[in-house]
Amino acid sequence: MSLGSELKSARTASGLSVEELAARTRIRTALIKELENDNFINCGGDTYARGHIRAIARTLEINGDQLLLEFSETFSPEERPMMDLLVENSAARPPREKKPISWKVLSGIAASIVVVVASVQFVVVINKSNESVKPLALSATAPETKDPAVATKVSGVNLILTGVNGVSWVGIFDSSNNQIYSGRILRGESQVFTDNQSLYVVIGNAGAININLNGADLGLTGALGEVVRMQFTPTGSTQG
């Protein structure tokens, strides 16, 4: 028996019509009919399909974990970047278009570099001329000390994502807004991502992913089936 047939059989056994099940789960009637016919295309992606199956199983009081396992084994995820699916469902913002640097800006930067180099050379020449007439110092120079706060300052972003309660789609963007990862993280699997400035992360199933930022365990960022968007920097994280 297929997954859709199992859903339909369980609904019929519970004495509920499609319309009654739709009212209890808040899933559209047409979509429930498609699910019962093994059509999961219009769910909006793998994460949303799992959420619908879980809601139906909870309402009909059947084993949702077994149905989700059958879904994973039978229906492969769409061969599209996760960010495209989330944007279509208003769950994520589209990546910003990077503007090329104009030749005027490049010319200004080059001119500034020339001025700085010339200034440094001038200062070095003056210092060398002064060193030739500088008297010997009679007192010892105090040893240089380092500021402990500077020594322990965290450099960059080191992010570890670990699957703990199931499977989740994850999209990662670096500080230049380049997508560096788009895929699934399974239960028990860990992925490490780094950037000098920041990382923008979209998690399709927040209750399934544990987050560690620069050695600090932040735990889960949301509930199972919830989509979250977070920005991580060396000093912490913000959601949205």
C-alpha atoms as a PDB file:
ATOM      1  CA  MET A   1       0.000   0.000   0.000  1.00  0.00           C
ATOM      2  CA  SER A   2       1.370   3.420  -0.977  1.00  0.00           C
ATOM      3  CA  LEU A   3       1.783   6.328   1.444  1.00  0.00           C
ATOM      4  CA  GLY A   4      -1.196   8.182  -0.036  1.00  0.00           C
ATOM      5  CA  SER A   5      -3.365   5.073   0.221  1.00  0.00           C
ATOM      6  CA  GLU A   6      -2.402   4.684   3.891  1.00  0.00           C
ATOM      7  CA  LEU A   7      -3.456   8.276   4.599  1.00  0.00           C
ATOM      8  CA  LYS A   8      -6.785   7.773   2.839  1.00  0.00           C
ATOM      9  CA  SER A   9      -7.419   4.434   4.553  1.00  0.00           C
ATOM     10  CA  ALA A  10      -6.691   5.942   7.989  1.00  0.00           C
ATOM     11  CA  ARG A  11      -9.007   8.893   7.311  1.00  0.00           C
ATOM     12  CA  THR A  12     -11.817   6.590   6.166  1.00  0.00           C
ATOM     13  CA  ALA A  13     -11.353   4.342   9.204  1.00  0.00           C
ATOM     14  CA  SER A  14     -11.640   7.370  11.501  1.00  0.00           C
ATOM     15  CA  GLY A  15     -14.977   8.303   9.910  1.00  0.00           C
ATOM     16  CA  LEU A  16     -13.797  11.726   8.718  1.00  0.00           C
ATOM     17  CA  SER A  17     -14.469  13.234   5.322  1.00  0.00           C
ATOM     18  CA  VAL A  18     -11.788  15.138   3.425  1.00  0.00           C
ATOM     19  CA  GLU A  19     -13.496  18.409   4.344  1.00  0.00           C
ATOM     20  CA  GLU A  20     -13.622  17.515   8.055  1.00  0.00           C
ATOM     21  CA  LEU A  21      -9.942  16.531   8.065  1.00  0.00           C
ATOM     22  CA  ALA A  22      -9.074  19.785   6.288  1.00  0.00           C
ATOM     23  CA  ALA A  23     -10.910  21.797   8.957  1.00  0.00           C
ATOM     24  CA  ARG A  24      -9.073  20.037  11.805  1.00  0.00           C
ATOM     25  CA  THR A  25      -5.585  20.208  10.258  1.00  0.00           C
ATOM     26  CA  ARG A  26      -6.013  23.571   8.457  1.00  0.00           C
ATOM     27  CA  ILE A  27      -4.717  21.950   5.276  1.00  0.00           C
ATOM     28  CA  ARG A  28      -6.546  22.769   2.038  1.00  0.00           C
ATOM     29  CA  THR A  29      -9.078  20.174   0.895  1.00  0.00           C
ATOM     30  CA  ALA A  30      -7.561  19.993  -2.586  1.00  0.00           C
ATOM     31  CA  LEU A  31      -4.088  19.411  -1.143  1.00  0.00           C
ATOM     32  CA  ILE A  32      -5.304  16.554   1.104  1.00  0.00           C
ATOM     33  CA  LYS A  33      -6.823  14.869  -1.961  1.00  0.00           C
ATOM     34  CA  GLU A  34      -3.481  15.213  -3.766  1.00  0.00           C
ATOM     35  CA  LEU A  35      -1.599  13.719  -0.806  1.00  0.00           C
ATOM     36  CA  GLU A  36      -3.960  10.738  -0.750  1.00  0.00           C
ATOM     37  CA  ASN A  37      -3.093  10.225  -4.437  1.00  0.00           C
ATOM     38  CA  ASP A  38       0.682  10.303  -3.712  1.00  0.00           C
ATOM     39  CA  ASN A  39       1.062  13.784  -5.209  1.00  0.00           C
ATOM     40  CA  PHE A  40       3.339  15.895  -2.971  1.00  0.00           C
ATOM     41  CA  ILE A  41       4.454  18.417  -5.615  1.00  0.00           C
ATOM     42  CA  ASN A  42       2.222  21.285  -4.443  1.00  0.00           C
ATOM     43  CA  CYS A  43       3.302  21.035  -0.782  1.00  0.00           C
ATOM     44  CA  GLY A  44       6.021  23.628  -1.346  1.00  0.00           C
ATOM     45  CA  GLY A  45       8.972  21.339  -0.698  1.00  0.00           C
ATOM     46  CA  ASP A  46      10.135  18.405   1.400  1.00  0.00           C
ATOM     47  CA  THR A  47       9.874  20.246   4.736  1.00  0.00           C
ATOM     48  CA  TYR A  48       6.262  21.347   4.216  1.00  0.00           C
ATOM     49  CA  ALA A  49       5.223  17.897   2.971  1.00  0.00           C
ATOM     50  CA  ARG A  50       6.585  16.397   6.194  1.00  0.00           C
ATOM     51  CA  GLY A  51       4.669  18.969   8.228  1.00  0.00           C
ATOM     52  CA  HIS A  52       1.387  18.071   6.484  1.00  0.00           C
ATOM     53  CA  ILE A  53       1.960  14.342   7.002  1.00  0.00           C
ATOM     54  CA  ARG A  54       2.755  14.929  10.678  1.00  0.00           C
ATOM     55  CA  ALA A  55      -0.404  17.046  11.178  1.00  0.00           C
ATOM     56  CA  ILE A  56      -2.652  14.452   9.498  1.00  0.00           C
ATOM     57  CA  ALA A  57      -1.109  11.589  11.500  1.00  0.00           C
ATOM     58  CA  ARG A  58      -1.604  13.487  14.764  1.00  0.00           C
ATOM     59  CA  THR A  59      -5.273  14.185  13.949  1.00  0.00           C
ATOM     60  CA  LEU A  60      -5.985  10.592  12.882  1.00  0.00           C
ATOM     61  CA  GLU A  61      -3.948   9.215  15.845  1.00  0.00           C
ATOM     62  CA  ILE A  62      -1.682   7.024  13.706  1.00  0.00           C
ATOM     63  CA  ASN A  63       2.100   6.489  13.685  1.00  0.00           C
ATOM     64  CA  GLY A  64       3.492   9.642  12.084  1.00  0.00           C
ATOM     65  CA  ASP A  65       7.137   8.540  12.378  1.00  0.00           C
ATOM     66  CA  GLN A  66       6.486   5.483  10.228  1.00  0.00           C
ATOM     67  CA  LEU A  67       4.730   7.599   7.585  1.00  0.00           C
ATOM     68  CA  LEU A  68       7.629  10.080   7.513  1.00  0.00           C
ATOM     69  CA  LEU A  69      10.073   7.199   7.089  1.00  0.00           C
ATOM     70  CA  GLU A  70       8.057   5.900   4.131  1.00  0.00           C
ATOM     71  CA  PHE A  71       8.025   9.410   2.658  1.00  0.00           C
ATOM     72  CA  SER A  72      11.840   9.681   2.930  1.00  0.00           C
ATOM     73  CA  GLU A  73      12.351   6.275   1.315  1.00  0.00           C
ATOM     74  CA  THR A  74       9.838   6.785  -1.502  1.00  0.00           C
ATOM     75  CA  PHE A  75       9.911  10.453  -2.471  1.00  0.00           C
ATOM     76  CA  SER A  76      13.283  12.109  -3.102  1.00  0.00           C
ATOM     77  CA  PRO A  77      13.600  15.885  -2.477  1.00  0.00           C
ATOM     78  CA  GLU A  78      13.289  18.299  -5.365  1.00  0.00           C
ATOM     79  CA  GLU A  79      16.520  18.861  -7.286  1.00  0.00           C
ATOM     80  CA  ARG A  80      16.485  22.602  -6.687  1.00  0.00           C
ATOM     81  CA  PRO A  81      18.410  24.815  -4.270  1.00  0.00           C
ATOM     82  CA  MET A  82      16.613  25.068  -0.941  1.00  0.00           C
ATOM     83  CA  MET A  83      16.775  28.883  -1.038  1.00  0.00           C
ATOM     84  CA  ASP A  84      14.677  28.935  -4.247  1.00  0.00           C
ATOM     85  CA  LEU A  85      11.941  26.882  -2.558  1.00  0.00           C
ATOM     86  CA  LEU A  86      11.932  29.053   0.571  1.00  0.00           C
ATOM     87  CA  VAL A  87      11.743  32.276  -1.456  1.00  0.00           C
ATOM     88  CA  GLU A  88       8.766  30.925  -3.407  1.00  0.00           C
ATOM     89  CA  ASN A  89       6.969  30.242  -0.123  1.00  0.00           C
ATOM     90  CA  SER A  90       7.892  33.652   1.403  1.00  0.00           C
ATOM     91  CA  ALA A  91      10.060  31.900   3.997  1.00  0.00           C
ATOM     92  CA  ALA A  92      13.281  33.649   3.025  1.00  0.00           C
ATOM     93  CA  ARG A  93      14.421  36.835   1.371  1.00  0.00           C
ATOM     94  CA  PRO A  94      15.954  36.589  -2.119  1.00  0.00           C
ATOM     95  CA  PRO A  95      19.754  36.981  -2.276  1.00  0.00           C
ATOM     96  CA  ARG A  96      20.886  40.537  -2.874  1.00  0.00           C
ATOM     97  CA  GLU A  97      22.367  41.345  -6.256  1.00  0.00           C
ATOM     98  CA  LYS A  98      26.009  42.365  -5.949  1.00  0.00           C
ATOM     99  CA  LYS A  99      26.882  45.568  -7.795  1.00  0.00           C
ATOM    100  CA  PRO A 100      30.228  45.770  -9.632  1.00  0.00           C
ATOM    101  CA  ILE A 101      32.785  48.300  -8.369  1.00  0.00           C
ATOM    102  CA  SER A 102      33.083  51.262 -10.734  1.00  0.00           C
ATOM    103  CA  TRP A 103      36.415  52.326 -12.238  1.00  0.00           C
ATOM    104  CA  LYS A 104      36.152  55.655 -10.380  1.00  0.00           C
ATOM    105  CA  VAL A 105      36.123  53.871  -7.025  1.00  0.00           C
ATOM    106  CA  LEU A 106      39.080  51.697  -8.051  1.00  0.00           C
ATOM    107  CA  SER A 107      40.996  54.788  -9.188  1.00  0.00           C
ATOM    108  CA  GLY A 108      40.346  56.494  -5.844  1.00  0.00           C
ATOM    109  CA  ILE A 109      41.559  53.440  -3.922  1.00  0.00           C
ATOM    110  CA  ALA A 110      44.719  53.223  -6.032  1.00  0.00           C
ATOM    111  CA  ALA A 111      45.462  56.927  -5.480  1.00  0.00           C
ATOM    112  CA  SER A 112      44.994  56.527  -1.723  1.00  0.00           C
ATOM    113  CA  ILE A 113      47.415  53.590  -1.652  1.00  0.00           C
ATOM    114  CA  VAL A 114      50.063  55.626  -3.507  1.00  0.00           C
ATOM    115  CA  VAL A 115      49.719  58.494  -0.997  1.00  0.00           C
ATOM    116  CA  VAL A 116      49.996  56.142   1.986  1.00  0.00           C
ATOM    117  CA  VAL A 117      53.094  54.383   0.589  1.00  0.00           C
ATOM    118  CA  ALA A 118      54.782  57.720  -0.128  1.00  0.00           C
ATOM    119  CA  SER A 119      54.014  58.958   3.402  1.00  0.00           C
ATOM    120  CA  VAL A 120      55.445  55.803   4.975  1.00  0.00           C
ATOM    121  CA  GLN A 121      58.652  56.083   2.949  1.00  0.00           C
ATOM    122  CA  PHE A 122      59.031  59.735   4.007  1.00  0.00           C
ATOM    123  CA  VAL A 123      58.603  58.869   7.692  1.00  0.00           C
ATOM    124  CA  VAL A 124      61.127  56.010   7.433  1.00  0.00           C
ATOM    125  CA  VAL A 125      63.744  58.336   5.907  1.00  0.00           C
ATOM    126  CA  ILE A 126      63.261  60.895   8.714  1.00  0.00           C
ATOM    127  CA  ASN A 127      63.487  58.215  11.409  1.00  0.00           C
ATOM    128  CA  LYS A 128      66.726  56.851   9.965  1.00  0.00           C
ATOM    129  CA  SER A 129      68.286  60.329   9.911  1.00  0.00           C
ATOM    130  CA  ASN A 130      67.274  60.919  13.534  1.00  0.00           C
ATOM    131  CA  GLU A 131      68.688  57.567  14.640  1.00  0.00           C
ATOM    132  CA  SER A 132      72.195  58.616  13.565  1.00  0.00           C
ATOM    133  CA  VAL A 133      72.305  61.458  16.151  1.00  0.00           C
ATOM    134  CA  LYS A 134      70.158  59.905  18.891  1.00  0.00           C
ATOM    135  CA  PRO A 135      72.113  59.395  22.191  1.00  0.00           C
ATOM    136  CA  LEU A 136      72.243  55.991  23.811  1.00  0.00           C
ATOM    137  CA  ALA A 137      69.432  55.317  26.278  1.00  0.00           C
ATOM    138  CA  LEU A 138      70.673  54.754  29.849  1.00  0.00           C
ATOM    139  CA  SER A 139      67.512  53.123  31.208  1.00  0.00           C
ATOM    140  CA  ALA A 140      66.095  49.768  30.189  1.00  0.00           C
ATOM    141  CA  THR A 141      62.853  49.748  28.210  1.00  0.00           C
ATOM    142  CA  ALA A 142      59.888  48.207  29.997  1.00  0.00           C
ATOM    143  CA  PRO A 143      58.755  44.906  28.451  1.00  0.00           C
ATOM    144  CA  GLU A 144      55.748  45.112  26.166  1.00  0.00           C
ATOM    145  CA  THR A 145      52.526  43.771  27.656  1.00  0.00           C
ATOM    146  CA  LYS A 146      49.545  42.427  25.777  1.00  0.00           C
ATOM    147  CA  ASP A 147      45.973  43.254  26.582  1.00  0.00           C
ATOM    148  CA  PRO A 148      44.275  39.992  27.734  1.00  0.00           C
ATOM    149  CA  ALA A 149      41.011  41.133  26.159  1.00  0.00           C
ATOM    150  CA  VAL A 150      42.707  41.382  22.767  1.00  0.00           C
ATOM    151  CA  ALA A 151      44.410  38.012  23.175  1.00  0.00           C
ATOM    152  CA  THR A 152      41.143  36.222  23.880  1.00  0.00           C
ATOM    153  CA  LYS A 153      39.058  38.038  21.283  1.00  0.00           C
ATOM    154  CA  VAL A 154      37.217  35.649  18.945  1.00  0.00           C
ATOM    155  CA  SER A 155      38.231  36.043  15.311  1.00  0.00           C
ATOM    156  CA  GLY A 156      35.525  35.425  12.709  1.00  0.00           C
ATOM    157  CA  VAL A 157      32.535  33.092  12.833  1.00  0.00           C
ATOM    158  CA  ASN A 158      32.844  29.350  13.471  1.00  0.00           C
ATOM    159  CA  LEU A 159      29.415  27.696  13.183  1.00  0.00           C
ATOM    160  CA  ILE A 160      28.633  24.005  13.820  1.00  0.00           C
ATOM    161  CA  LEU A 161      25.185  22.662  12.844  1.00  0.00           C
ATOM    162  CA  THR A 162      24.237  19.203  14.166  1.00  0.00           C
ATOM    163  CA  GLY A 163      21.122  17.165  13.345  1.00  0.00           C
ATOM    164  CA  VAL A 164      19.492  16.017  16.595  1.00  0.00           C
ATOM    165  CA  ASN A 165      15.755  15.440  16.032  1.00  0.00           C
ATOM    166  CA  GLY A 166      15.472  14.398  12.395  1.00  0.00           C
ATOM    167  CA  VAL A 167      16.328  15.834   8.988  1.00  0.00           C
ATOM    168  CA  SER A 168      16.369  19.498   7.943  1.00  0.00           C
ATOM    169  CA  TRP A 169      17.153  21.508   4.836  1.00  0.00           C
ATOM    170  CA  VAL A 170      19.786  24.188   5.463  1.00  0.00           C
ATOM    171  CA  GLY A 171      21.013  27.104   3.344  1.00  0.00           C
ATOM    172  CA  ILE A 172      24.208  29.030   4.251  1.00  0.00           C
ATOM    173  CA  PHE A 173      25.342  32.404   2.840  1.00  0.00           C
ATOM    174  CA  ASP A 174      28.713  34.035   3.596  1.00  0.00           C
ATOM    175  CA  SER A 175      29.385  37.731   4.306  1.00  0.00           C
ATOM    176  CA  SER A 176      29.626  38.399   0.542  1.00  0.00           C
ATOM    177  CA  ASN A 177      26.105  36.929   0.101  1.00  0.00           C
ATOM    178  CA  ASN A 178      27.446  33.884  -1.755  1.00  0.00           C
ATOM    179  CA  GLN A 179      25.576  30.619  -1.114  1.00  0.00           C
ATOM    180  CA  ILE A 180      28.183  28.207   0.269  1.00  0.00           C
ATOM    181  CA  TYR A 181      25.829  25.345   1.215  1.00  0.00           C
ATOM    182  CA  SER A 182      22.368  24.095   0.266  1.00  0.00           C
ATOM    183  CA  GLY A 183      21.289  20.631   1.351  1.00  0.00           C
ATOM    184  CA  ARG A 184      20.046  18.346   4.110  1.00  0.00           C
ATOM    185  CA  ILE A 185      21.631  17.665   7.500  1.00  0.00           C
ATOM    186  CA  LEU A 186      20.664  14.254   8.877  1.00  0.00           C
ATOM    187  CA  ARG A 187      20.254  13.206  12.505  1.00  0.00           C
ATOM    188  CA  GLY A 188      23.701  12.627  14.029  1.00  0.00           C
ATOM    189  CA  GLU A 189      25.448  14.550  11.225  1.00  0.00           C
ATOM    190  CA  SER A 190      27.460  17.749  11.826  1.00  0.00           C
ATOM    191  CA  GLN A 191      28.519  20.442   9.362  1.00  0.00           C
ATOM    192  CA  VAL A 192      31.065  23.219  10.063  1.00  0.00           C
ATOM    193  CA  PHE A 193      30.943  26.655   8.374  1.00  0.00           C
ATOM    194  CA  THR A 194      33.309  29.614   8.845  1.00  0.00           C
ATOM    195  CA  ASP A 195      33.569  33.236   7.732  1.00  0.00           C
ATOM    196  CA  ASN A 196      35.670  36.221   8.809  1.00  0.00           C
ATOM    197  CA  GLN A 197      32.634  38.498   9.306  1.00  0.00           C
ATOM    198  CA  SER A 198      29.203  36.820   9.296  1.00  0.00           C
ATOM    199  CA  LEU A 199      27.059  33.896   8.145  1.00  0.00           C
ATOM    200  CA  TYR A 200      23.380  34.067   7.119  1.00  0.00           C
ATOM    201  CA  VAL A 201      21.547  30.774   7.766  1.00  0.00           C
ATOM    202  CA  VAL A 202      18.106  29.479   6.740  1.00  0.00           C
ATOM    203  CA  ILE A 203      16.899  26.320   8.540  1.00  0.00           C
ATOM    204  CA  GLY A 204      13.836  24.544   7.151  1.00  0.00           C
ATOM    205  CA  ASN A 205      13.170  22.467  10.290  1.00  0.00           C
ATOM    206  CA  ALA A 206      14.450  24.460  13.278  1.00  0.00           C
ATOM    207  CA  GLY A 207      13.575  21.811  15.853  1.00  0.00           C
ATOM    208  CA  ALA A 208      15.946  19.323  14.215  1.00  0.00           C
ATOM    209  CA  ILE A 209      19.191  21.364  14.226  1.00  0.00           C
ATOM    210  CA  ASN A 210      21.419  22.208  17.214  1.00  0.00           C
ATOM    211  CA  ILE A 211      23.685  25.267  16.825  1.00  0.00           C
ATOM    212  CA  ASN A 212      27.167  25.908  18.255  1.00  0.00           C
ATOM    213  CA  LEU A 213      28.669  29.378  17.669  1.00  0.00           C
ATOM    214  CA  ASN A 214      32.384  29.875  18.399  1.00  0.00           C
ATOM    215  CA  GLY A 215      32.335  27.122  21.025  1.00  0.00           C
ATOM    216  CA  ALA A 216      29.080  28.257  22.703  1.00  0.00           C
ATOM    217  CA  ASP A 217      26.134  25.840  22.525  1.00  0.00           C
ATOM    218  CA  LEU A 218      23.042  27.840  21.459  1.00  0.00           C
ATOM    219  CA  GLY A 219      20.739  24.793  21.328  1.00  0.00           C
ATOM    220  CA  LEU A 220      17.681  24.703  19.041  1.00  0.00           C
ATOM    221  CA  THR A 221      16.399  27.859  17.342  1.00  0.00           C
ATOM    222  CA  GLY A 222      12.753  26.823  16.984  1.00  0.00           C
ATOM    223  CA  ALA A 223      10.190  24.022  16.890  1.00  0.00           C
ATOM    224  CA  LEU A 224       9.928  21.004  14.588  1.00  0.00           C
ATOM    225  CA  GLY A 225       8.667  22.053  11.160  1.00  0.00           C
ATOM    226  CA  GLU A 226       9.410  25.759  11.806  1.00  0.00           C
ATOM    227  CA  VAL A 227      11.475  27.749   9.279  1.00  0.00           C
ATOM    228  CA  VAL A 228      13.926  30.248  10.817  1.00  0.00           C
ATOM    229  CA  ARG A 229      16.406  32.744   9.391  1.00  0.00           C
ATOM    230  CA  MET A 230      19.417  33.850  11.473  1.00  0.00           C
ATOM    231  CA  GLN A 231      22.486  36.074  11.127  1.00  0.00           C
ATOM    232  CA  PHE A 232      25.640  34.981  12.990  1.00  0.00           C
ATOM    233  CA  THR A 233      28.575  37.303  13.776  1.00  0.00           C
ATOM    234  CA  PRO A 234      31.642  36.942  16.035  1.00  0.00           C
ATOM    235  CA  THR A 235      29.694  38.651  18.849  1.00  0.00           C
ATOM    236  CA  GLY A 236      26.415  36.713  18.661  1.00  0.00           C
ATOM    237  CA  SER A 237      23.311  36.030  16.571  1.00  0.00           C
ATOM    238  CA  THR A 238      20.094  37.743  15.479  1.00  0.00           C
ATOM    239  CA  GLN A 239      16.934  36.167  14.110  1.00  0.00           C
ATOM    240  CA  GLY A 240      15.012  37.417  11.107  1.00  0.00           C
END
